[in-house]
Amino acid sequence: MRTSDLVRAAVANTFRSKLRTTLTVLALFVGAFTLTLTTALGAGVSDYVSKQVASLGADDVLLVSTASAATEDGPAVYDPETSSASSGTPNPLGGDGGTLTSADIETLEDIDGVDSVEPVSPVALDWVEVGGSAKFEFTISPTSSITRADLAAGEQLDAASDDAQLILPDEYLDALGFADADDAVGTTATLGLTDVLGAQHEVEAEIVGVSNASLLTSGAGGNAELLAELAEVQKAGVDSPDRYQIAIARFDPALSAVEIADLKARIADEGMSGQTVADQLGLIQTVITGITGVLNAFAVVALLAAAFGIVNTLLMSVQERTREIGLMKAMGMGNARVFALFSLEAAFIGLLGSLLGVVVAIGLGVPLAGALASGPLSGLAGLSILLFEPASIGAVIVLIVAIAFVAGTLPARRAARKTPIDALRYE
């Protein structure tokens, strides 16, 4: 029997018991459907995060903060010579809120591999208003001066500008009375803050752009000139030791990953912690991968349960077709061909279940993703919550067919080992 004849026979034999085959296919369908959706969910969110990381830019800087005060043996002992005061506010790098001193900045500048250092003072804003509008609580990301915003309108911040510039989050548009993002660009915003002596101050900044909402960044954006002006106003001329929330350490963008790791180690040896922008966002990617991995695990469990269904289906088929197997062997069909025939039946059942699951998942997932993008997730521009990639879909189909094929080897082996005489005598 030729291979093409084997395939045709396997397909025809699959539908001998339509009810039994249908139930087995439906069991595989559940696993394929779930696995396709969870894979698309992971791909969609990962693609969004990757685009956001790429848009942030700043791949030649390390964001340096104080090292964590905790040690393996508990909190670090206070040393008046080396310990720094806590700012009392959360550290944007996820630390404990400690501040860098002028001595830390000088130490950082002397580290081999660091080209330049820009200290960033902690800035606490009270409110924002535009043209006499109501006042709203407001924050500025301390790292916004070196990253690129995901713009809905306008331009990126100009690091070299002597004018105070602001990028406004799109969530403030309606509150501040703007018709749309373009309407806000070019207007002047007034920022209110309180200095260390308790006096109220106002600082004006031009809105040069409007940013889309993002999973990866929070707060408005301000250029170096605006951040420096706010920090100076907040100090109120008080002669006190300089304290910095973070420091931006620039390095040669041509450095390899190993060289960047060595640079981080040298910074760590000085009691500080250096992270790239991608490092900070890596935790988000890890969480996403973990969640999709757990969901995929449930799909795989469903597939394993379906595999037992395939074994049961084919074992019953082998028993029902014992005399037929004996006749095929008596006519010269070898063990390998008999094994291949039943294995192909199992693989075909797997193919039917996987194709059905994938098609239904895509058919439901595409409109669902569109509805979510224009509804609950409309604030996250560029996010396609379900991304069906051809490679991932192909991998799901191949995996399920492989599971079905392996599940069919036991019945196929039993069929191949039957002797013609015993099989023909079977009642």
Protein backbone atom coordinates (compact mmCIF):
# COMPACT_ATOMS: atom_id res chain seq x y z
CA MET A 1 0.00 0.00 0.00
CA ARG A 2 1.39 3.35 -1.07
CA THR A 3 1.72 6.28 1.32
CA SER A 4 -1.08 8.18 -0.43
CA ASP A 5 -3.34 5.14 -0.03
CA LEU A 6 -2.44 4.97 3.66
CA VAL A 7 -3.42 8.60 4.16
CA ARG A 8 -6.74 8.16 2.35
CA ALA A 9 -7.50 5.00 4.33
CA ALA A 10 -6.64 6.75 7.62
CA VAL A 11 -8.97 9.65 6.83
CA ALA A 12 -11.79 7.31 5.84
CA ASN A 13 -11.33 5.13 8.94
CA THR A 14 -11.47 8.18 11.21
CA PHE A 15 -15.14 8.71 10.32
CA ARG A 16 -16.24 5.12 10.81
CA SER A 17 -17.47 5.97 14.30
CA LYS A 18 -18.57 9.56 13.85
CA LEU A 19 -19.82 10.12 17.39
CA ARG A 20 -16.68 8.77 19.04
CA THR A 21 -14.42 10.77 16.73
CA THR A 22 -16.48 13.93 17.22
CA LEU A 23 -16.23 13.73 21.00
CA THR A 24 -12.45 13.22 20.80
CA VAL A 25 -12.09 16.14 18.37
CA LEU A 26 -14.12 18.38 20.69
CA ALA A 27 -11.82 17.52 23.60
CA LEU A 28 -8.84 18.59 21.48
CA PHE A 29 -10.78 21.67 20.37
CA VAL A 30 -11.00 22.93 23.97
CA GLY A 31 -7.22 22.73 24.39
CA ALA A 32 -6.50 24.24 20.98
CA PHE A 33 -8.98 27.08 21.52
CA THR A 34 -7.54 27.95 24.94
CA LEU A 35 -3.92 27.65 23.85
CA THR A 36 -4.49 29.84 20.79
CA LEU A 37 -6.14 32.61 22.83
CA THR A 38 -3.56 32.58 25.62
CA THR A 39 -0.72 32.60 23.11
CA ALA A 40 -2.33 35.53 21.29
CA LEU A 41 -2.82 37.35 24.59
CA GLY A 42 0.84 36.95 25.51
CA ALA A 43 1.95 38.00 22.02
CA GLY A 44 -0.31 41.07 22.02
CA VAL A 45 0.80 42.41 25.38
CA SER A 46 4.47 41.54 24.74
CA ASP A 47 4.33 43.33 21.38
CA TYR A 48 2.86 46.42 23.07
CA VAL A 49 5.53 46.41 25.78
CA SER A 50 8.31 45.96 23.18
CA LYS A 51 7.01 48.90 21.15
CA GLN A 52 6.80 51.03 24.27
CA VAL A 53 10.36 50.16 25.27
CA ALA A 54 11.60 50.96 21.76
CA SER A 55 9.76 54.30 21.76
CA LEU A 56 11.30 55.29 25.09
CA GLY A 57 14.75 55.42 23.54
CA ALA A 58 17.52 56.37 26.00
CA ASP A 59 19.52 53.21 25.31
CA ASP A 60 22.79 54.92 26.26
CA VAL A 61 21.95 55.89 29.85
CA LEU A 62 21.88 54.29 33.26
CA LEU A 63 19.43 55.56 35.86
CA VAL A 64 21.39 55.52 39.10
CA SER A 65 19.87 55.50 42.57
CA THR A 66 20.96 54.56 46.05
CA ALA A 67 21.31 50.86 46.70
CA SER A 68 18.64 49.23 48.84
CA ALA A 69 19.14 49.74 52.55
CA ALA A 70 18.16 46.13 53.25
CA THR A 71 20.79 43.39 53.46
CA GLU A 72 20.64 39.64 53.91
CA ASP A 73 20.97 40.21 57.66
CA GLY A 74 18.27 42.92 57.82
CA PRO A 75 18.39 46.74 57.58
CA ALA A 76 21.77 48.39 57.07
CA VAL A 77 23.35 50.13 60.06
CA TYR A 78 23.34 53.93 59.80
CA ASP A 79 26.77 55.42 59.13
CA PRO A 80 26.95 59.26 59.27
CA GLU A 81 29.86 59.18 56.82
CA THR A 82 28.21 57.12 54.09
CA SER A 83 24.45 56.93 54.74
CA SER A 84 22.10 59.34 52.97
CA ALA A 85 18.71 60.65 54.04
CA SER A 86 15.53 59.22 52.64
CA SER A 87 13.46 61.52 50.46
CA GLY A 88 10.25 60.17 51.94
CA THR A 89 8.88 59.56 48.44
CA PRO A 90 8.90 56.42 46.32
CA ASN A 91 12.01 56.00 44.19
CA PRO A 92 11.13 55.84 40.46
CA LEU A 93 13.60 52.98 40.12
CA GLY A 94 11.82 50.91 42.72
CA GLY A 95 14.28 51.57 45.57
CA ASP A 96 13.62 52.69 49.10
CA GLY A 97 13.47 56.42 48.51
CA GLY A 98 17.07 57.21 49.49
CA THR A 99 18.78 60.21 47.91
CA LEU A 100 22.15 60.70 46.29
CA THR A 101 24.59 63.29 47.62
CA SER A 102 27.05 65.53 45.80
CA ALA A 103 29.79 63.11 46.89
CA ASP A 104 27.87 60.26 45.21
CA ILE A 105 27.66 62.27 42.00
CA GLU A 106 31.43 62.94 42.06
CA THR A 107 32.10 59.26 42.70
CA LEU A 108 29.84 58.34 39.80
CA GLU A 109 31.66 60.73 37.46
CA ASP A 110 34.98 59.07 38.29
CA ILE A 111 33.80 55.54 37.45
CA ASP A 112 35.44 54.14 34.32
CA GLY A 113 32.90 53.93 31.49
CA VAL A 114 30.67 56.81 32.65
CA ASP A 115 30.87 59.68 30.12
CA SER A 116 28.72 62.21 31.97
CA VAL A 117 26.35 62.50 34.94
CA GLU A 118 23.18 64.60 35.25
CA PRO A 119 21.72 64.64 38.79
CA VAL A 120 17.93 64.91 39.07
CA SER A 121 16.52 66.63 42.16
CA PRO A 122 13.24 65.40 43.66
CA VAL A 123 10.36 67.63 42.56
CA ALA A 124 6.89 67.59 44.18
CA LEU A 125 4.14 69.49 42.34
CA ASP A 126 0.80 70.48 43.82
CA TRP A 127 -1.37 71.27 40.82
CA VAL A 128 -1.65 72.31 37.17
CA GLU A 129 -4.00 74.74 35.44
CA VAL A 130 -4.31 76.23 31.95
CA GLY A 131 -5.82 79.65 31.26
CA GLY A 132 -7.61 79.99 34.57
CA SER A 133 -9.13 76.49 34.49
CA ALA A 134 -9.73 74.46 37.63
CA LYS A 135 -6.60 73.13 39.34
CA PHE A 136 -5.78 69.43 39.21
CA GLU A 137 -3.22 67.31 41.00
CA PHE A 138 -0.14 66.81 38.87
CA THR A 139 3.15 64.90 38.79
CA ILE A 140 6.17 64.89 36.49
CA SER A 141 8.21 61.76 35.87
CA PRO A 142 11.82 62.46 36.91
CA THR A 143 13.15 60.38 34.00
CA SER A 144 11.01 62.08 31.35
CA SER A 145 13.81 64.43 30.29
CA ILE A 146 15.82 61.54 28.79
CA THR A 147 13.07 59.33 27.38
CA ARG A 148 10.76 59.66 24.42
CA ALA A 149 7.02 59.90 24.98
CA ASP A 150 4.40 58.01 22.99
CA LEU A 151 2.94 61.14 21.44
CA ALA A 152 -0.65 61.72 20.44
CA ALA A 153 0.26 65.20 19.15
CA GLY A 154 3.12 67.71 19.20
CA GLU A 155 6.84 67.12 19.53
CA GLN A 156 9.30 65.47 21.89
CA LEU A 157 11.00 67.49 24.63
CA ASP A 158 14.08 69.46 23.55
CA ALA A 159 16.90 68.63 25.98
CA ALA A 160 18.97 71.60 24.75
CA SER A 161 16.18 74.19 25.01
CA ASP A 162 16.46 77.07 27.50
CA ASP A 163 12.65 77.26 27.70
CA ALA A 164 10.60 75.20 30.15
CA GLN A 165 8.74 72.52 28.18
CA LEU A 166 5.99 70.15 29.23
CA ILE A 167 4.40 67.03 27.73
CA LEU A 168 0.84 66.68 28.99
CA PRO A 169 -0.80 63.23 29.53
CA ASP A 170 -3.91 62.90 27.36
CA GLU A 171 -6.05 62.16 30.44
CA TYR A 172 -5.85 65.88 31.32
CA LEU A 173 -7.24 67.15 28.00
CA ASP A 174 -10.94 67.21 28.88
CA ALA A 175 -10.33 68.42 32.44
CA LEU A 176 -8.27 71.37 31.28
CA GLY A 177 -10.79 72.32 28.59
CA PHE A 178 -8.98 71.24 25.43
CA ALA A 179 -10.99 70.01 22.45
CA ASP A 180 -8.30 67.51 21.44
CA ALA A 181 -4.57 66.85 21.68
CA ASP A 182 -3.67 69.29 18.89
CA ASP A 183 -5.60 72.03 20.69
CA ALA A 184 -3.31 71.70 23.74
CA VAL A 185 0.00 71.97 21.84
CA GLY A 186 1.52 75.45 22.06
CA THR A 187 -0.45 76.61 25.10
CA THR A 188 1.06 77.55 28.44
CA ALA A 189 0.43 75.55 31.61
CA THR A 190 0.87 76.92 35.12
CA LEU A 191 2.36 74.55 37.68
CA GLY A 192 1.93 75.13 41.40
CA LEU A 193 4.35 73.89 44.05
CA THR A 194 5.32 74.48 47.66
CA ASP A 195 8.91 75.22 48.63
CA VAL A 196 10.75 73.86 51.66
CA LEU A 197 9.68 76.90 53.71
CA GLY A 198 5.99 76.34 52.97
CA ALA A 199 5.56 79.20 50.47
CA GLN A 200 3.44 78.71 47.33
CA HIS A 201 4.99 79.28 43.89
CA GLU A 202 3.87 79.13 40.27
CA VAL A 203 6.01 78.13 37.28
CA GLU A 204 4.93 78.36 33.66
CA ALA A 205 5.83 75.87 30.94
CA GLU A 206 4.89 75.51 27.30
CA ILE A 207 2.97 72.35 26.37
CA VAL A 208 4.96 71.03 23.39
CA GLY A 209 3.27 67.63 23.16
CA VAL A 210 0.53 65.35 24.44
CA SER A 211 1.33 61.75 25.37
CA ASN A 212 -0.87 58.69 25.08
CA ALA A 213 -1.61 56.64 28.17
CA SER A 214 0.94 53.86 28.68
CA LEU A 215 1.43 50.85 30.90
CA LEU A 216 5.09 51.76 31.27
CA THR A 217 5.21 55.42 32.19
CA SER A 218 3.26 57.64 34.56
CA GLY A 219 3.02 61.37 35.04
CA ALA A 220 3.77 64.25 32.72
CA GLY A 221 7.08 64.91 31.00
CA GLY A 222 9.36 67.87 31.56
CA ASN A 223 12.64 68.83 29.90
CA ALA A 224 15.86 69.41 31.84
CA GLU A 225 15.26 73.18 31.99
CA LEU A 226 11.82 72.78 33.58
CA LEU A 227 12.98 70.18 36.10
CA ALA A 228 15.95 72.35 37.10
CA GLU A 229 13.72 75.42 37.54
CA LEU A 230 11.22 73.51 39.67
CA ALA A 231 13.99 72.09 41.84
CA GLU A 232 15.51 75.55 42.35
CA VAL A 233 12.17 77.09 43.28
CA GLN A 234 11.47 74.24 45.68
CA LYS A 235 14.79 74.85 47.51
CA ALA A 236 13.74 78.48 48.19
CA GLY A 237 17.37 79.58 48.34
CA VAL A 238 18.00 77.54 51.46
CA ASP A 239 21.70 76.69 51.79
CA SER A 240 21.48 72.96 52.40
CA PRO A 241 23.36 69.92 51.12
CA ASP A 242 22.27 68.93 47.64
CA ARG A 243 20.14 65.80 47.51
CA TYR A 244 19.20 64.06 44.30
CA GLN A 245 16.46 61.53 43.65
CA ILE A 246 18.35 59.84 40.83
CA ALA A 247 21.29 60.52 38.53
CA ILE A 248 21.42 60.00 34.78
CA ALA A 249 24.76 58.43 33.85
CA ARG A 250 25.53 58.39 30.15
CA PHE A 251 27.82 55.82 28.56
CA ASP A 252 29.06 54.88 25.10
CA PRO A 253 26.08 53.38 23.20
CA ALA A 254 28.53 51.06 21.42
CA LEU A 255 29.17 49.13 24.65
CA SER A 256 28.23 45.47 24.52
CA ALA A 257 25.83 43.82 26.97
CA VAL A 258 28.78 42.35 28.86
CA GLU A 259 30.47 45.76 29.12
CA ILE A 260 27.25 47.37 30.35
CA ALA A 261 26.94 44.64 32.98
CA ASP A 262 30.52 45.34 34.09
CA LEU A 263 29.68 49.06 34.34
CA LYS A 264 26.65 48.27 36.54
CA ALA A 265 28.90 46.13 38.75
CA ARG A 266 31.38 49.00 39.20
CA ILE A 267 28.51 51.31 40.17
CA ALA A 268 27.21 48.70 42.62
CA ASP A 269 30.68 48.50 44.21
CA GLU A 270 30.26 52.19 45.11
CA GLY A 271 26.98 51.56 46.95
CA MET A 272 24.67 52.61 44.13
CA SER A 273 22.40 50.82 41.69
CA GLY A 274 22.37 51.44 37.93
CA GLN A 275 19.58 50.33 35.61
CA THR A 276 18.80 50.92 31.96
CA VAL A 277 15.27 51.86 30.98
CA ALA A 278 14.81 48.35 29.59
CA ASP A 279 15.90 46.86 32.94
CA GLN A 280 13.15 48.74 34.76
CA LEU A 281 10.54 47.48 32.35
CA GLY A 282 11.83 43.91 32.35
CA LEU A 283 9.76 43.06 35.42
CA ILE A 284 6.58 43.88 33.52
CA GLN A 285 7.60 41.50 30.74
CA THR A 286 8.41 38.81 33.32
CA VAL A 287 4.98 39.15 34.93
CA ILE A 288 3.27 38.95 31.54
CA THR A 289 5.26 35.86 30.60
CA GLY A 290 4.40 34.23 33.93
CA ILE A 291 0.67 34.89 33.57
CA THR A 292 0.50 33.57 29.99
CA GLY A 293 2.60 30.57 31.04
CA VAL A 294 0.06 29.64 33.73
CA LEU A 295 -2.82 30.04 31.27
CA ASN A 296 -0.97 27.92 28.71
CA ALA A 297 -0.48 25.26 31.36
CA PHE A 298 -4.26 24.92 31.74
CA ALA A 299 -4.56 24.49 27.97
CA VAL A 300 -1.86 21.80 27.98
CA VAL A 301 -3.71 19.94 30.75
CA ALA A 302 -6.82 19.94 28.55
CA LEU A 303 -4.76 18.58 25.67
CA LEU A 304 -3.31 15.79 27.81
CA ALA A 305 -6.83 14.82 28.86
CA ALA A 306 -7.81 14.75 25.19
CA ALA A 307 -4.79 12.55 24.46
CA PHE A 308 -6.28 9.84 26.70
CA GLY A 309 -9.45 10.18 24.67
CA ILE A 310 -7.47 9.48 21.50
CA VAL A 311 -5.92 6.40 23.11
CA ASN A 312 -9.37 5.12 24.09
CA THR A 313 -10.85 5.85 20.66
CA LEU A 314 -8.11 4.02 18.76
CA LEU A 315 -7.94 1.09 21.18
CA MET A 316 -11.63 0.49 20.61
CA SER A 317 -11.07 0.87 16.87
CA VAL A 318 -8.28 -1.70 16.96
CA GLN A 319 -10.51 -4.13 18.83
CA GLU A 320 -13.41 -3.63 16.44
CA ARG A 321 -11.18 -4.05 13.38
CA THR A 322 -9.17 -7.05 14.55
CA ARG A 323 -10.31 -9.33 11.71
CA GLU A 324 -9.70 -6.50 9.21
CA ILE A 325 -6.13 -6.12 10.52
CA GLY A 326 -5.61 -9.88 10.15
CA LEU A 327 -6.89 -9.75 6.56
CA MET A 328 -4.57 -6.84 5.70
CA LYS A 329 -1.59 -8.71 7.12
CA ALA A 330 -2.58 -11.92 5.33
CA MET A 331 -2.54 -9.93 2.08
CA GLY A 332 1.04 -8.84 2.74
CA MET A 333 0.71 -5.60 4.69
CA GLY A 334 3.73 -5.28 7.02
CA ASN A 335 3.79 -4.27 10.67
CA ALA A 336 5.23 -0.84 9.84
CA ARG A 337 2.34 -0.09 7.48
CA VAL A 338 -0.26 -1.14 10.03
CA PHE A 339 1.45 0.99 12.67
CA ALA A 340 1.55 3.96 10.25
CA LEU A 341 -2.14 3.53 9.40
CA PHE A 342 -3.35 3.84 12.98
CA SER A 343 -0.80 6.59 13.82
CA LEU A 344 -2.03 8.62 10.87
CA GLU A 345 -5.61 8.25 12.13
CA ALA A 346 -4.51 9.69 15.48
CA ALA A 347 -2.64 12.55 13.79
CA PHE A 348 -5.67 13.32 11.61
CA ILE A 349 -7.92 13.55 14.67
CA GLY A 350 -5.35 15.93 16.20
CA LEU A 351 -5.34 18.01 13.01
CA LEU A 352 -9.14 18.28 13.01
CA GLY A 353 -9.24 19.34 16.67
CA SER A 354 -6.42 21.87 16.33
CA LEU A 355 -7.79 23.47 13.15
CA LEU A 356 -11.26 23.75 14.65
CA GLY A 357 -9.89 25.32 17.85
CA VAL A 358 -7.62 27.75 16.01
CA VAL A 359 -10.31 28.87 13.55
CA VAL A 360 -12.91 29.47 16.28
CA ALA A 361 -10.35 31.26 18.48
CA ILE A 362 -9.40 33.62 15.64
CA GLY A 363 -13.03 34.09 14.62
CA LEU A 364 -13.99 35.17 18.13
CA GLY A 365 -10.69 36.81 19.10
CA VAL A 366 -10.34 39.30 16.26
CA PRO A 367 -13.69 41.08 16.83
CA LEU A 368 -13.20 40.83 20.61
CA ALA A 369 -9.78 42.51 20.35
CA GLY A 370 -11.29 45.23 18.18
CA ALA A 371 -14.12 45.84 20.63
CA LEU A 372 -11.70 46.06 23.56
CA ALA A 373 -9.36 48.40 21.64
CA SER A 374 -12.21 50.82 20.93
CA GLY A 375 -13.79 50.39 24.37
CA PRO A 376 -12.16 49.61 27.73
CA LEU A 377 -8.61 49.69 26.34
CA SER A 378 -9.04 52.74 24.11
CA GLY A 379 -6.77 54.73 26.41
CA LEU A 380 -3.79 52.51 25.54
CA ALA A 381 -3.04 53.55 21.98
CA GLY A 382 -1.39 50.85 19.90
CA LEU A 383 -2.42 47.95 22.16
CA SER A 384 -3.89 44.94 20.38
CA ILE A 385 -4.74 42.70 23.30
CA LEU A 386 -4.93 39.58 21.10
CA LEU A 387 -2.25 39.24 18.44
CA PHE A 388 -2.57 36.13 16.27
CA GLU A 389 0.87 35.50 14.81
CA PRO A 390 1.15 32.91 11.98
CA ALA A 391 4.19 31.30 13.61
CA SER A 392 2.38 30.88 16.94
CA ILE A 393 -0.73 29.47 15.27
CA GLY A 394 1.41 27.01 13.31
CA ALA A 395 3.19 26.00 16.51
CA VAL A 396 -0.14 25.31 18.25
CA ILE A 397 -1.30 23.09 15.38
CA VAL A 398 2.00 21.21 15.22
CA LEU A 399 2.01 20.69 19.01
CA ILE A 400 -1.50 19.25 19.07
CA VAL A 401 -0.89 16.98 16.08
CA ALA A 402 2.30 15.78 17.75
CA ILE A 403 0.45 15.05 21.02
CA ALA A 404 -2.23 13.16 19.11
CA PHE A 405 0.38 11.19 17.15
CA VAL A 406 2.21 10.18 20.33
CA ALA A 407 -1.10 9.23 21.97
CA GLY A 408 -1.89 6.99 19.00
CA THR A 409 1.35 5.03 19.15
CA LEU A 410 0.09 2.63 21.84
CA PRO A 411 -3.00 1.50 19.89
CA ALA A 412 -0.98 1.49 16.67
CA ARG A 413 1.70 -0.70 18.26
CA ARG A 414 -0.94 -3.13 19.51
CA ALA A 415 -2.46 -3.36 16.04
CA ALA A 416 0.95 -3.87 14.42
CA ARG A 417 1.83 -6.76 16.78
CA LYS A 418 -1.25 -8.82 15.96
CA THR A 419 -0.54 -12.01 13.99
CA PRO A 420 -2.69 -12.75 10.92
CA ILE A 421 -3.89 -16.14 12.19
CA ASP A 422 -4.96 -14.88 15.65
CA ALA A 423 -6.58 -11.80 14.17
CA LEU A 424 -8.62 -13.80 11.63
CA ARG A 425 -9.79 -16.17 14.35
CA TYR A 426 -11.03 -13.24 16.50
CA GLU A 427 -14.80 -13.24 17.04
